[in-house]
């Protein structure tokens, strides 16, 4: 009998990690070796446990998950990263592909789909949710973002993406500044840049754009 699929869970919400752990360990061929709340911790756990699969949330404080994935690839060549997120806009997908992610699952997927994704990736088959799959093409060079599908959102910097997501949630610029530990003037500068790049100059329309691009929930 082969060893169970070893899994590292990475999510900044304890309840989410606990729910995933309890669900996945119902599967006879899976075991959760550790669960942590930050990408920084995840890198250490990968070096320690060398898990088969890392299931990692995209949106967490601290080190960017994509930078962490690069470090994980170095720490354990056999470990395969699957990203999990409510967001599936082009920039995230492109970054996931750039760091050789084996999967990208949206949080709208069922538990059965999550289990299937882990089994597929463990066996060497990449898994992308339908919303993500529709934005990529696979050719002789492997999976890549379909250029025809590239959104204006890909022109935004990481910080501008953060600002846009918070604006879409209806947060004030003062609230955003407090959350990101930056000045209101800096938020204003980033907001102006976002509006100019997207050619959208109304907060309501910005929110609609973010929702349409999968960067915020309706």
N, C-alpha and C. Protein backbone atom coordinates (compact mmCIF):
# COMPACT_ATOMS: atom_id res chain seq x y z
N UNK A 1 0.85 -1.20 0.00
CA UNK A 1 0.00 0.00 0.00
C UNK A 1 0.88 1.24 0.00
N UNK A 2 0.60 2.19 -0.88
CA UNK A 2 1.41 3.40 -1.00
C UNK A 2 1.15 4.34 0.16
N UNK A 3 2.12 5.21 0.41
CA UNK A 3 1.98 6.19 1.48
C UNK A 3 0.88 7.19 1.13
N UNK A 4 0.19 7.74 2.14
CA UNK A 4 -0.84 8.74 1.87
C UNK A 4 -0.23 10.02 1.32
N UNK A 5 -1.03 10.80 0.62
CA UNK A 5 -0.59 12.09 0.09
C UNK A 5 -0.41 13.04 1.27
N UNK A 6 0.80 13.55 1.44
CA UNK A 6 1.07 14.47 2.55
C UNK A 6 0.78 15.91 2.11
N UNK A 7 0.08 16.64 2.96
CA UNK A 7 -0.43 17.96 2.60
C UNK A 7 -0.07 18.99 3.67
N UNK A 8 0.37 20.16 3.22
CA UNK A 8 0.58 21.32 4.09
C UNK A 8 -0.48 22.35 3.76
N UNK A 9 -1.24 22.79 4.75
CA UNK A 9 -2.28 23.79 4.56
C UNK A 9 -1.76 25.16 4.99
N UNK A 10 -1.99 26.17 4.14
CA UNK A 10 -1.52 27.53 4.45
C UNK A 10 -2.67 28.50 4.24
N UNK A 11 -3.18 29.05 5.33
CA UNK A 11 -4.28 30.02 5.27
C UNK A 11 -4.24 30.83 6.55
N UNK A 12 -4.48 32.13 6.46
CA UNK A 12 -4.37 32.98 7.65
C UNK A 12 -5.60 32.89 8.55
N UNK A 13 -6.61 32.12 8.17
CA UNK A 13 -7.79 31.94 9.01
C UNK A 13 -7.75 30.55 9.65
N UNK A 14 -7.69 30.53 10.98
CA UNK A 14 -7.58 29.27 11.70
C UNK A 14 -8.78 28.36 11.43
N UNK A 15 -9.97 28.92 11.40
CA UNK A 15 -11.16 28.11 11.19
C UNK A 15 -11.15 27.45 9.82
N UNK A 16 -10.64 28.17 8.82
CA UNK A 16 -10.56 27.61 7.46
C UNK A 16 -9.57 26.45 7.44
N UNK A 17 -8.42 26.65 8.05
CA UNK A 17 -7.42 25.58 8.09
C UNK A 17 -7.96 24.34 8.81
N UNK A 18 -8.65 24.57 9.91
CA UNK A 18 -9.20 23.46 10.68
C UNK A 18 -10.24 22.70 9.87
N UNK A 19 -11.10 23.45 9.16
CA UNK A 19 -12.14 22.81 8.36
C UNK A 19 -11.53 21.99 7.23
N UNK A 20 -10.52 22.55 6.57
CA UNK A 20 -9.84 21.81 5.50
C UNK A 20 -9.17 20.55 6.05
N UNK A 21 -8.49 20.71 7.18
CA UNK A 21 -7.79 19.57 7.77
C UNK A 21 -8.77 18.44 8.10
N UNK A 22 -9.86 18.80 8.76
CA UNK A 22 -10.85 17.79 9.14
C UNK A 22 -11.44 17.10 7.91
N UNK A 23 -11.69 17.88 6.86
CA UNK A 23 -12.29 17.30 5.65
C UNK A 23 -11.32 16.40 4.92
N UNK A 24 -10.09 16.87 4.72
CA UNK A 24 -9.13 16.09 3.93
C UNK A 24 -8.71 14.82 4.64
N UNK A 25 -8.67 14.84 5.95
CA UNK A 25 -8.25 13.65 6.67
C UNK A 25 -9.34 12.59 6.76
N UNK A 26 -10.51 12.89 6.19
CA UNK A 26 -11.53 11.86 6.02
C UNK A 26 -11.17 10.93 4.86
N UNK A 27 -10.27 11.42 3.99
CA UNK A 27 -9.84 10.63 2.84
C UNK A 27 -8.75 9.66 3.28
N UNK A 28 -8.90 8.38 3.01
CA UNK A 28 -7.91 7.39 3.48
C UNK A 28 -6.53 7.54 2.86
N UNK A 29 -6.46 8.25 1.73
CA UNK A 29 -5.17 8.39 1.06
C UNK A 29 -4.54 9.76 1.26
N UNK A 30 -5.01 10.51 2.28
CA UNK A 30 -4.47 11.85 2.51
C UNK A 30 -4.17 12.06 3.99
N UNK A 31 -3.11 12.83 4.26
CA UNK A 31 -2.79 13.22 5.63
C UNK A 31 -2.26 14.65 5.63
N UNK A 32 -2.72 15.44 6.58
CA UNK A 32 -2.25 16.82 6.72
C UNK A 32 -1.10 16.82 7.72
N UNK A 33 0.10 17.13 7.23
CA UNK A 33 1.29 17.07 8.09
C UNK A 33 1.46 18.32 8.92
N UNK A 34 0.90 19.43 8.46
CA UNK A 34 1.00 20.68 9.22
C UNK A 34 0.04 21.69 8.61
N UNK A 35 -0.34 22.71 9.42
CA UNK A 35 -1.12 23.82 8.89
C UNK A 35 -0.65 25.10 9.55
N UNK A 36 -0.41 26.12 8.75
CA UNK A 36 0.17 27.37 9.24
C UNK A 36 -0.58 28.57 8.67
N UNK A 37 -0.33 29.74 9.28
CA UNK A 37 -1.09 30.93 8.92
C UNK A 37 -0.40 31.93 8.03
N UNK A 38 0.89 31.72 7.73
CA UNK A 38 1.61 32.66 6.87
C UNK A 38 2.49 31.92 5.87
N UNK A 39 2.83 32.63 4.81
CA UNK A 39 3.70 32.05 3.79
C UNK A 39 5.10 31.84 4.34
N UNK A 40 5.54 32.74 5.23
CA UNK A 40 6.87 32.60 5.83
C UNK A 40 6.98 31.29 6.61
N UNK A 41 5.95 30.99 7.41
CA UNK A 41 5.93 29.75 8.17
C UNK A 41 5.89 28.54 7.23
N UNK A 42 5.16 28.70 6.14
CA UNK A 42 5.00 27.59 5.20
C UNK A 42 6.34 27.14 4.61
N UNK A 43 7.20 28.09 4.32
CA UNK A 43 8.51 27.76 3.75
C UNK A 43 9.30 26.87 4.71
N UNK A 44 9.24 27.21 6.00
CA UNK A 44 9.94 26.42 7.02
C UNK A 44 9.35 25.01 7.11
N UNK A 45 8.02 24.92 7.03
CA UNK A 45 7.37 23.61 7.15
C UNK A 45 7.65 22.74 5.92
N UNK A 46 7.77 23.36 4.77
CA UNK A 46 8.11 22.60 3.55
C UNK A 46 9.50 21.99 3.69
N UNK A 47 10.44 22.78 4.18
CA UNK A 47 11.79 22.27 4.38
C UNK A 47 11.82 21.15 5.41
N UNK A 48 10.93 21.22 6.39
CA UNK A 48 10.89 20.23 7.46
C UNK A 48 10.20 18.94 7.04
N UNK A 49 9.03 19.06 6.39
CA UNK A 49 8.22 17.88 6.10
C UNK A 49 8.32 17.37 4.65
N UNK A 50 8.78 18.22 3.73
CA UNK A 50 8.83 17.86 2.32
C UNK A 50 7.47 17.29 1.86
N UNK A 51 6.37 18.01 2.04
CA UNK A 51 5.05 17.47 1.71
C UNK A 51 4.87 17.28 0.21
N UNK A 52 3.97 16.40 -0.15
CA UNK A 52 3.65 16.20 -1.56
C UNK A 52 2.93 17.42 -2.13
N UNK A 53 2.01 17.97 -1.32
CA UNK A 53 1.16 19.06 -1.78
C UNK A 53 1.17 20.21 -0.77
N UNK A 54 1.25 21.44 -1.27
CA UNK A 54 0.99 22.63 -0.45
C UNK A 54 -0.27 23.28 -1.00
N UNK A 55 -1.29 23.37 -0.16
CA UNK A 55 -2.53 24.06 -0.52
C UNK A 55 -2.48 25.42 0.15
N UNK A 56 -2.31 26.49 -0.64
CA UNK A 56 -2.01 27.81 -0.08
C UNK A 56 -2.95 28.89 -0.59
N UNK A 57 -3.50 29.63 0.36
CA UNK A 57 -4.37 30.75 0.02
C UNK A 57 -3.54 31.84 -0.64
N UNK A 58 -4.12 32.53 -1.59
CA UNK A 58 -3.42 33.59 -2.30
C UNK A 58 -3.35 34.86 -1.47
N UNK A 59 -4.42 35.19 -0.76
CA UNK A 59 -4.53 36.47 -0.08
C UNK A 59 -4.22 36.34 1.41
N UNK A 60 -2.95 36.58 1.75
CA UNK A 60 -2.53 36.51 3.15
C UNK A 60 -1.59 37.66 3.46
N UNK A 61 -1.52 38.06 4.74
CA UNK A 61 -0.56 39.10 5.12
C UNK A 61 0.86 38.56 5.06
N UNK A 62 1.83 39.48 5.07
CA UNK A 62 3.23 39.03 5.06
C UNK A 62 3.74 38.76 3.66
N UNK A 63 4.67 37.83 3.55
CA UNK A 63 5.27 37.50 2.26
C UNK A 63 4.22 37.11 1.24
N UNK A 64 4.40 37.60 0.01
CA UNK A 64 3.47 37.23 -1.06
C UNK A 64 3.54 35.72 -1.31
N UNK A 65 2.39 35.12 -1.53
CA UNK A 65 2.35 33.66 -1.70
C UNK A 65 3.16 33.21 -2.91
N UNK A 66 3.25 34.05 -3.93
CA UNK A 66 3.98 33.66 -5.13
C UNK A 66 5.50 33.63 -4.87
N UNK A 67 5.97 34.58 -4.07
CA UNK A 67 7.38 34.56 -3.68
C UNK A 67 7.66 33.33 -2.82
N UNK A 68 6.71 33.00 -1.95
CA UNK A 68 6.87 31.82 -1.10
C UNK A 68 6.93 30.55 -1.94
N UNK A 69 6.12 30.49 -2.99
CA UNK A 69 6.10 29.31 -3.85
C UNK A 69 7.46 29.08 -4.50
N UNK A 70 8.12 30.17 -4.88
CA UNK A 70 9.46 30.04 -5.45
C UNK A 70 10.42 29.41 -4.45
N UNK A 71 10.34 29.90 -3.21
CA UNK A 71 11.22 29.37 -2.17
C UNK A 71 10.90 27.90 -1.88
N UNK A 72 9.63 27.55 -1.92
CA UNK A 72 9.24 26.15 -1.69
C UNK A 72 9.78 25.24 -2.78
N UNK A 73 9.75 25.72 -4.02
CA UNK A 73 10.27 24.92 -5.13
C UNK A 73 11.75 24.63 -4.94
N UNK A 74 12.46 25.58 -4.33
CA UNK A 74 13.88 25.40 -4.06
C UNK A 74 14.11 24.46 -2.89
N UNK A 75 13.26 24.60 -1.86
CA UNK A 75 13.41 23.79 -0.64
C UNK A 75 13.06 22.33 -0.86
N UNK A 76 12.08 22.08 -1.73
CA UNK A 76 11.63 20.71 -1.97
C UNK A 76 11.15 20.57 -3.41
N UNK A 77 11.99 20.02 -4.23
CA UNK A 77 11.69 19.90 -5.66
C UNK A 77 10.43 19.08 -5.90
N UNK A 78 10.16 18.10 -5.04
CA UNK A 78 9.03 17.19 -5.24
C UNK A 78 7.70 17.77 -4.78
N UNK A 79 7.74 18.86 -4.01
CA UNK A 79 6.51 19.46 -3.49
C UNK A 79 5.80 20.24 -4.59
N UNK A 80 4.48 20.06 -4.68
CA UNK A 80 3.69 20.73 -5.71
C UNK A 80 2.69 21.68 -5.06
N UNK A 81 2.67 22.91 -5.55
CA UNK A 81 1.84 23.96 -4.94
C UNK A 81 0.52 24.11 -5.68
N UNK A 82 -0.56 24.15 -4.89
CA UNK A 82 -1.89 24.46 -5.41
C UNK A 82 -2.35 25.74 -4.72
N UNK A 83 -2.70 26.75 -5.50
CA UNK A 83 -3.21 27.99 -4.92
C UNK A 83 -4.73 27.91 -4.78
N UNK A 84 -5.22 28.54 -3.72
CA UNK A 84 -6.65 28.58 -3.44
C UNK A 84 -7.03 30.03 -3.21
N UNK A 85 -8.07 30.50 -3.92
CA UNK A 85 -8.45 31.91 -3.78
C UNK A 85 -9.87 32.15 -4.25
N UNK A 86 -10.46 33.21 -3.71
CA UNK A 86 -11.77 33.66 -4.20
C UNK A 86 -11.58 34.48 -5.47
N UNK A 87 -10.33 34.89 -5.72
CA UNK A 87 -10.04 35.76 -6.86
C UNK A 87 -9.34 34.99 -7.98
N UNK A 88 -9.70 35.29 -9.21
CA UNK A 88 -9.08 34.58 -10.33
C UNK A 88 -8.82 35.52 -11.50
N UNK A 89 -8.41 36.75 -11.19
CA UNK A 89 -8.11 37.69 -12.27
C UNK A 89 -6.77 37.35 -12.93
N UNK A 90 -6.53 37.94 -14.07
CA UNK A 90 -5.39 37.57 -14.90
C UNK A 90 -4.04 37.68 -14.19
N UNK A 91 -3.87 38.74 -13.40
CA UNK A 91 -2.56 38.94 -12.79
C UNK A 91 -2.21 37.81 -11.83
N UNK A 92 -3.16 37.38 -11.03
CA UNK A 92 -2.91 36.27 -10.13
C UNK A 92 -2.62 34.98 -10.90
N UNK A 93 -3.41 34.72 -11.94
CA UNK A 93 -3.21 33.51 -12.72
C UNK A 93 -1.83 33.52 -13.37
N UNK A 94 -1.45 34.65 -13.92
CA UNK A 94 -0.15 34.75 -14.58
C UNK A 94 0.99 34.53 -13.58
N UNK A 95 0.86 35.10 -12.38
CA UNK A 95 1.89 34.90 -11.36
C UNK A 95 1.95 33.44 -10.91
N UNK A 96 0.79 32.82 -10.79
CA UNK A 96 0.75 31.40 -10.39
C UNK A 96 1.46 30.54 -11.43
N UNK A 97 1.22 30.81 -12.70
CA UNK A 97 1.86 30.05 -13.76
C UNK A 97 3.37 30.32 -13.80
N UNK A 98 3.75 31.56 -13.51
CA UNK A 98 5.17 31.92 -13.52
C UNK A 98 5.97 31.16 -12.47
N UNK A 99 5.32 30.83 -11.35
CA UNK A 99 6.05 30.10 -10.29
C UNK A 99 5.79 28.60 -10.38
N UNK A 100 5.29 28.16 -11.54
CA UNK A 100 5.10 26.73 -11.83
C UNK A 100 4.10 26.05 -10.89
N UNK A 101 3.04 26.76 -10.55
CA UNK A 101 2.00 26.15 -9.72
C UNK A 101 1.35 25.00 -10.48
N UNK A 102 0.99 23.96 -9.73
CA UNK A 102 0.34 22.80 -10.33
C UNK A 102 -1.17 22.93 -10.33
N UNK A 103 -1.68 23.91 -9.61
CA UNK A 103 -3.12 24.06 -9.56
C UNK A 103 -3.54 25.43 -9.06
N UNK A 104 -4.76 25.80 -9.41
CA UNK A 104 -5.35 27.06 -8.94
C UNK A 104 -6.84 26.79 -8.80
N UNK A 105 -7.30 26.76 -7.55
CA UNK A 105 -8.69 26.41 -7.26
C UNK A 105 -9.42 27.64 -6.72
N UNK A 106 -10.58 27.93 -7.26
CA UNK A 106 -11.38 29.02 -6.74
C UNK A 106 -12.22 28.51 -5.57
N UNK A 107 -12.54 29.40 -4.65
CA UNK A 107 -13.26 29.00 -3.44
C UNK A 107 -14.73 28.69 -3.70
N UNK A 108 -15.16 28.85 -4.95
CA UNK A 108 -16.52 28.45 -5.31
C UNK A 108 -16.60 26.96 -5.62
N UNK A 109 -15.44 26.30 -5.69
CA UNK A 109 -15.40 24.86 -6.00
C UNK A 109 -15.97 24.04 -4.83
N UNK A 110 -16.45 22.86 -5.14
CA UNK A 110 -16.99 21.96 -4.13
C UNK A 110 -15.86 21.24 -3.40
N UNK A 111 -16.20 20.61 -2.27
CA UNK A 111 -15.21 19.81 -1.54
C UNK A 111 -14.70 18.67 -2.40
N UNK A 112 -15.58 18.09 -3.18
CA UNK A 112 -15.18 16.98 -4.05
C UNK A 112 -14.15 17.43 -5.08
N UNK A 113 -14.32 18.66 -5.59
CA UNK A 113 -13.37 19.19 -6.56
C UNK A 113 -12.01 19.42 -5.93
N UNK A 114 -12.01 19.88 -4.68
CA UNK A 114 -10.75 20.09 -3.97
C UNK A 114 -10.02 18.77 -3.78
N UNK A 115 -10.73 17.75 -3.38
CA UNK A 115 -10.14 16.43 -3.19
C UNK A 115 -9.59 15.91 -4.51
N UNK A 116 -10.38 16.08 -5.59
CA UNK A 116 -9.93 15.63 -6.91
C UNK A 116 -8.67 16.39 -7.34
N UNK A 117 -8.64 17.68 -7.08
CA UNK A 117 -7.48 18.49 -7.45
C UNK A 117 -6.22 17.97 -6.78
N UNK A 118 -6.32 17.66 -5.50
CA UNK A 118 -5.16 17.16 -4.76
C UNK A 118 -4.70 15.82 -5.32
N UNK A 119 -5.64 14.95 -5.61
CA UNK A 119 -5.27 13.64 -6.18
C UNK A 119 -4.66 13.80 -7.57
N UNK A 120 -5.26 14.66 -8.39
CA UNK A 120 -4.74 14.88 -9.74
C UNK A 120 -3.31 15.39 -9.70
N UNK A 121 -3.10 16.44 -8.91
CA UNK A 121 -1.78 17.06 -8.83
C UNK A 121 -0.76 16.08 -8.26
N UNK A 122 -1.17 15.31 -7.27
CA UNK A 122 -0.26 14.32 -6.69
C UNK A 122 0.18 13.29 -7.72
N UNK A 123 -0.71 12.99 -8.66
CA UNK A 123 -0.38 12.00 -9.69
C UNK A 123 0.30 12.62 -10.92
N UNK A 124 0.54 13.94 -10.85
CA UNK A 124 1.25 14.59 -11.95
C UNK A 124 0.37 15.27 -12.97
N UNK A 125 -0.92 15.47 -12.65
CA UNK A 125 -1.85 16.13 -13.56
C UNK A 125 -2.27 17.48 -12.97
N UNK A 126 -2.00 18.57 -13.66
CA UNK A 126 -2.35 19.90 -13.16
C UNK A 126 -3.88 20.06 -13.08
N UNK A 127 -4.32 20.89 -12.13
CA UNK A 127 -5.75 21.12 -11.97
C UNK A 127 -6.02 22.62 -11.86
N UNK A 128 -6.88 23.12 -12.74
CA UNK A 128 -7.30 24.51 -12.69
C UNK A 128 -8.82 24.58 -12.71
N UNK A 129 -9.39 25.39 -11.84
CA UNK A 129 -10.84 25.55 -11.82
C UNK A 129 -11.32 26.05 -13.18
N UNK A 130 -12.57 25.77 -13.54
CA UNK A 130 -13.09 26.19 -14.85
C UNK A 130 -12.90 27.68 -15.13
N UNK A 131 -13.10 28.55 -14.11
CA UNK A 131 -12.94 29.99 -14.32
C UNK A 131 -11.50 30.34 -14.68
N UNK A 132 -10.56 29.58 -14.12
CA UNK A 132 -9.15 29.80 -14.41
C UNK A 132 -8.77 29.17 -15.74
N UNK A 133 -9.25 27.96 -15.96
CA UNK A 133 -8.96 27.23 -17.20
C UNK A 133 -9.37 28.03 -18.43
N UNK A 134 -10.48 28.77 -18.31
CA UNK A 134 -10.98 29.53 -19.46
C UNK A 134 -10.06 30.69 -19.83
N UNK A 135 -9.14 31.03 -18.94
CA UNK A 135 -8.24 32.17 -19.19
C UNK A 135 -6.83 31.75 -19.61
N UNK A 136 -6.60 30.43 -19.71
CA UNK A 136 -5.26 29.99 -20.09
C UNK A 136 -5.32 29.08 -21.31
N UNK A 137 -4.19 28.95 -21.95
CA UNK A 137 -4.04 28.02 -23.07
C UNK A 137 -2.83 27.14 -22.77
N UNK A 138 -2.84 25.97 -23.32
CA UNK A 138 -1.73 25.03 -23.13
C UNK A 138 -1.14 24.69 -24.49
N UNK A 139 0.16 24.92 -24.64
CA UNK A 139 0.83 24.58 -25.89
C UNK A 139 2.12 23.83 -25.58
N UNK A 140 3.03 23.77 -26.52
CA UNK A 140 4.26 23.01 -26.34
C UNK A 140 5.13 23.56 -25.20
N UNK A 141 4.90 24.81 -24.84
CA UNK A 141 5.67 25.43 -23.77
C UNK A 141 4.98 25.30 -22.41
N UNK A 142 3.82 24.66 -22.39
CA UNK A 142 3.08 24.49 -21.15
C UNK A 142 1.94 25.49 -21.04
N UNK A 143 1.28 25.55 -19.87
CA UNK A 143 0.15 26.47 -19.70
C UNK A 143 0.61 27.92 -19.62
N UNK A 144 -0.16 28.81 -20.20
CA UNK A 144 0.15 30.24 -20.13
C UNK A 144 -1.15 31.02 -20.26
N UNK A 145 -1.11 32.26 -19.82
CA UNK A 145 -2.28 33.13 -19.90
C UNK A 145 -2.57 33.46 -21.36
N UNK A 146 -3.82 33.31 -21.75
CA UNK A 146 -4.21 33.64 -23.12
C UNK A 146 -4.13 35.14 -23.31
N UNK A 147 -3.31 35.57 -24.22
CA UNK A 147 -3.10 37.01 -24.42
C UNK A 147 -4.40 37.72 -24.78
N UNK A 148 -5.26 37.03 -25.51
CA UNK A 148 -6.52 37.66 -25.91
C UNK A 148 -7.39 37.97 -24.71
N UNK A 149 -7.14 37.25 -23.60
CA UNK A 149 -7.95 37.44 -22.40
C UNK A 149 -7.34 38.43 -21.41
N UNK A 150 -6.18 38.98 -21.74
CA UNK A 150 -5.50 39.85 -20.79
C UNK A 150 -6.37 41.06 -20.45
N UNK A 151 -6.50 41.31 -19.20
CA UNK A 151 -7.33 42.39 -18.70
C UNK A 151 -6.50 43.63 -18.43
N UNK A 152 -7.16 44.76 -18.37
CA UNK A 152 -6.47 45.99 -17.97
C UNK A 152 -5.90 45.87 -16.57
N UNK A 153 -6.43 44.95 -15.78
CA UNK A 153 -5.94 44.77 -14.41
C UNK A 153 -4.48 44.34 -14.38
N UNK A 154 -3.98 43.75 -15.47
CA UNK A 154 -2.59 43.30 -15.50
C UNK A 154 -1.62 44.47 -15.52
N UNK A 155 -2.12 45.67 -15.78
CA UNK A 155 -1.25 46.86 -15.79
C UNK A 155 -1.01 47.40 -14.39
N UNK A 156 -1.76 46.91 -13.40
CA UNK A 156 -1.67 47.42 -12.04
C UNK A 156 -0.52 46.77 -11.28
N UNK A 157 0.10 47.54 -10.39
CA UNK A 157 1.12 46.99 -9.51
C UNK A 157 0.42 46.21 -8.39
N UNK A 158 1.22 45.47 -7.64
CA UNK A 158 0.65 44.70 -6.52
C UNK A 158 -0.05 45.61 -5.53
N UNK A 159 0.56 46.74 -5.19
CA UNK A 159 -0.05 47.69 -4.25
C UNK A 159 -1.33 48.28 -4.82
N UNK A 160 -1.33 48.60 -6.11
CA UNK A 160 -2.54 49.15 -6.72
C UNK A 160 -3.68 48.13 -6.73
N UNK A 161 -3.32 46.87 -6.89
CA UNK A 161 -4.33 45.81 -6.82
C UNK A 161 -4.94 45.76 -5.43
N UNK A 162 -4.10 45.89 -4.40
CA UNK A 162 -4.60 45.90 -3.03
C UNK A 162 -5.56 47.06 -2.82
N UNK A 163 -5.15 48.24 -3.26
CA UNK A 163 -5.99 49.43 -3.11
C UNK A 163 -7.33 49.23 -3.80
N UNK A 164 -7.30 48.70 -5.00
CA UNK A 164 -8.53 48.48 -5.76
C UNK A 164 -9.46 47.53 -5.02
N UNK A 165 -8.91 46.45 -4.47
CA UNK A 165 -9.75 45.49 -3.75
C UNK A 165 -10.41 46.13 -2.53
N UNK A 166 -9.66 46.96 -1.82
CA UNK A 166 -10.23 47.63 -0.64
C UNK A 166 -11.27 48.66 -1.05
N UNK A 167 -11.02 49.38 -2.12
CA UNK A 167 -12.01 50.34 -2.62
C UNK A 167 -13.30 49.62 -3.00
N UNK A 168 -13.14 48.45 -3.61
CA UNK A 168 -14.31 47.67 -4.04
C UNK A 168 -15.13 47.19 -2.85
N UNK A 169 -14.49 47.06 -1.70
CA UNK A 169 -15.20 46.65 -0.48
C UNK A 169 -15.94 47.81 0.17
N UNK A 170 -15.74 49.03 -0.37
CA UNK A 170 -16.42 50.20 0.17
C UNK A 170 -15.66 50.88 1.30
N UNK A 171 -14.39 50.52 1.50
CA UNK A 171 -13.60 51.13 2.55
C UNK A 171 -13.21 52.56 2.18
N UNK A 172 -13.15 53.43 3.17
CA UNK A 172 -12.71 54.81 2.93
C UNK A 172 -11.20 54.82 2.75
N UNK A 173 -10.68 55.90 2.20
CA UNK A 173 -9.24 56.00 2.00
C UNK A 173 -8.50 56.02 3.34
N UNK A 174 -9.13 56.60 4.36
CA UNK A 174 -8.52 56.61 5.69
C UNK A 174 -8.45 55.18 6.25
N UNK A 175 -9.51 54.41 6.06
CA UNK A 175 -9.53 53.02 6.51
C UNK A 175 -8.48 52.19 5.78
N UNK A 176 -8.36 52.43 4.48
CA UNK A 176 -7.36 51.70 3.68
C UNK A 176 -5.95 52.03 4.17
N UNK A 177 -5.71 53.33 4.42
CA UNK A 177 -4.40 53.76 4.89
C UNK A 177 -4.05 53.08 6.21
N UNK A 178 -5.04 53.00 7.12
CA UNK A 178 -4.80 52.36 8.41
C UNK A 178 -4.53 50.87 8.27
N UNK A 179 -5.25 50.22 7.37
CA UNK A 179 -5.09 48.79 7.16
C UNK A 179 -3.72 48.45 6.58
N UNK A 180 -3.26 49.27 5.64
CA UNK A 180 -1.99 49.00 4.96
C UNK A 180 -0.80 49.71 5.60
N UNK A 181 -1.07 50.51 6.66
CA UNK A 181 -0.01 51.24 7.37
C UNK A 181 0.74 52.18 6.43
N UNK A 182 -0.04 52.91 5.64
CA UNK A 182 0.52 53.92 4.75
C UNK A 182 -0.28 55.20 4.95
N UNK A 183 0.19 56.31 4.39
CA UNK A 183 -0.51 57.59 4.56
C UNK A 183 -1.71 57.69 3.62
N UNK A 184 -2.64 58.57 3.98
CA UNK A 184 -3.80 58.81 3.12
C UNK A 184 -3.34 59.39 1.78
N UNK A 185 -2.29 60.22 1.81
CA UNK A 185 -1.76 60.78 0.57
C UNK A 185 -1.26 59.68 -0.36
N UNK A 186 -0.64 58.67 0.22
CA UNK A 186 -0.16 57.54 -0.59
C UNK A 186 -1.34 56.78 -1.19
N UNK A 187 -2.40 56.59 -0.40
CA UNK A 187 -3.61 55.93 -0.92
C UNK A 187 -4.19 56.76 -2.06
N UNK A 188 -4.22 58.08 -1.89
CA UNK A 188 -4.74 58.95 -2.94
C UNK A 188 -3.93 58.82 -4.22
N UNK A 189 -2.61 58.74 -4.06
CA UNK A 189 -1.73 58.63 -5.24
C UNK A 189 -1.97 57.31 -5.97
N UNK A 190 -2.07 56.23 -5.20
CA UNK A 190 -2.32 54.93 -5.82
C UNK A 190 -3.71 54.88 -6.47
N UNK A 191 -4.69 55.49 -5.81
CA UNK A 191 -6.05 55.50 -6.36
C UNK A 191 -6.08 56.23 -7.70
N UNK A 192 -5.41 57.35 -7.76
CA UNK A 192 -5.36 58.12 -9.01
C UNK A 192 -4.69 57.30 -10.12
N UNK A 193 -3.61 56.58 -9.74
CA UNK A 193 -2.92 55.76 -10.72
C UNK A 193 -3.82 54.64 -11.23
N UNK A 194 -4.56 54.00 -10.31
CA UNK A 194 -5.48 52.94 -10.70
C UNK A 194 -6.53 53.47 -11.67
N UNK A 195 -7.12 54.60 -11.32
CA UNK A 195 -8.17 55.18 -12.18
C UNK A 195 -7.64 55.54 -13.55
N UNK A 196 -6.42 56.07 -13.60
CA UNK A 196 -5.84 56.45 -14.89
C UNK A 196 -5.52 55.23 -15.74
N UNK A 197 -4.95 54.19 -15.12
CA UNK A 197 -4.59 52.98 -15.87
C UNK A 197 -5.82 52.25 -16.40
N UNK A 198 -6.87 52.23 -15.59
CA UNK A 198 -8.09 51.52 -15.99
C UNK A 198 -9.05 52.41 -16.78
N UNK A 199 -8.76 53.71 -16.78
CA UNK A 199 -9.66 54.70 -17.41
C UNK A 199 -11.06 54.60 -16.80
N UNK A 200 -11.08 54.45 -15.49
CA UNK A 200 -12.33 54.42 -14.72
C UNK A 200 -12.19 55.46 -13.62
N UNK A 201 -13.10 56.42 -13.57
CA UNK A 201 -12.92 57.56 -12.66
C UNK A 201 -14.07 57.71 -11.67
N UNK A 202 -14.72 56.59 -11.37
CA UNK A 202 -15.82 56.59 -10.42
C UNK A 202 -15.67 55.36 -9.53
N UNK A 203 -15.84 55.54 -8.22
CA UNK A 203 -15.61 54.42 -7.29
C UNK A 203 -16.60 53.29 -7.51
N UNK A 204 -17.82 53.61 -7.85
CA UNK A 204 -18.82 52.57 -8.11
C UNK A 204 -18.40 51.72 -9.31
N UNK A 205 -17.93 52.40 -10.36
CA UNK A 205 -17.49 51.68 -11.56
C UNK A 205 -16.22 50.88 -11.28
N UNK A 206 -15.37 51.39 -10.39
CA UNK A 206 -14.18 50.64 -10.00
C UNK A 206 -14.58 49.34 -9.30
N UNK A 207 -15.57 49.46 -8.42
CA UNK A 207 -16.05 48.27 -7.70
C UNK A 207 -16.63 47.26 -8.67
N UNK A 208 -17.40 47.72 -9.64
CA UNK A 208 -17.98 46.82 -10.64
C UNK A 208 -16.89 46.12 -11.44
N UNK A 209 -15.84 46.87 -11.79
CA UNK A 209 -14.72 46.28 -12.54
C UNK A 209 -14.05 45.20 -11.70
N UNK A 210 -13.80 45.50 -10.42
CA UNK A 210 -13.14 44.54 -9.54
C UNK A 210 -13.97 43.27 -9.39
N UNK A 211 -15.28 43.41 -9.26
CA UNK A 211 -16.16 42.24 -9.13
C UNK A 211 -16.15 41.43 -10.42
N UNK A 212 -16.23 42.12 -11.55
CA UNK A 212 -16.24 41.43 -12.85
C UNK A 212 -14.95 40.67 -13.09
N UNK A 213 -13.84 41.20 -12.59
CA UNK A 213 -12.54 40.57 -12.79
C UNK A 213 -12.24 39.50 -11.74
N UNK A 214 -13.20 39.27 -10.83
CA UNK A 214 -12.97 38.27 -9.80
C UNK A 214 -12.05 38.72 -8.70
N UNK A 215 -11.87 40.03 -8.54
CA UNK A 215 -10.99 40.58 -7.53
C UNK A 215 -11.74 40.96 -6.26
N UNK A 216 -13.04 40.93 -6.29
CA UNK A 216 -13.86 41.26 -5.13
C UNK A 216 -15.19 40.54 -5.28
N UNK A 217 -15.84 40.31 -4.15
CA UNK A 217 -17.11 39.63 -4.18
C UNK A 217 -18.25 40.62 -4.29
N UNK A 218 -19.30 40.21 -4.99
CA UNK A 218 -20.46 41.09 -5.16
C UNK A 218 -21.23 41.21 -3.85
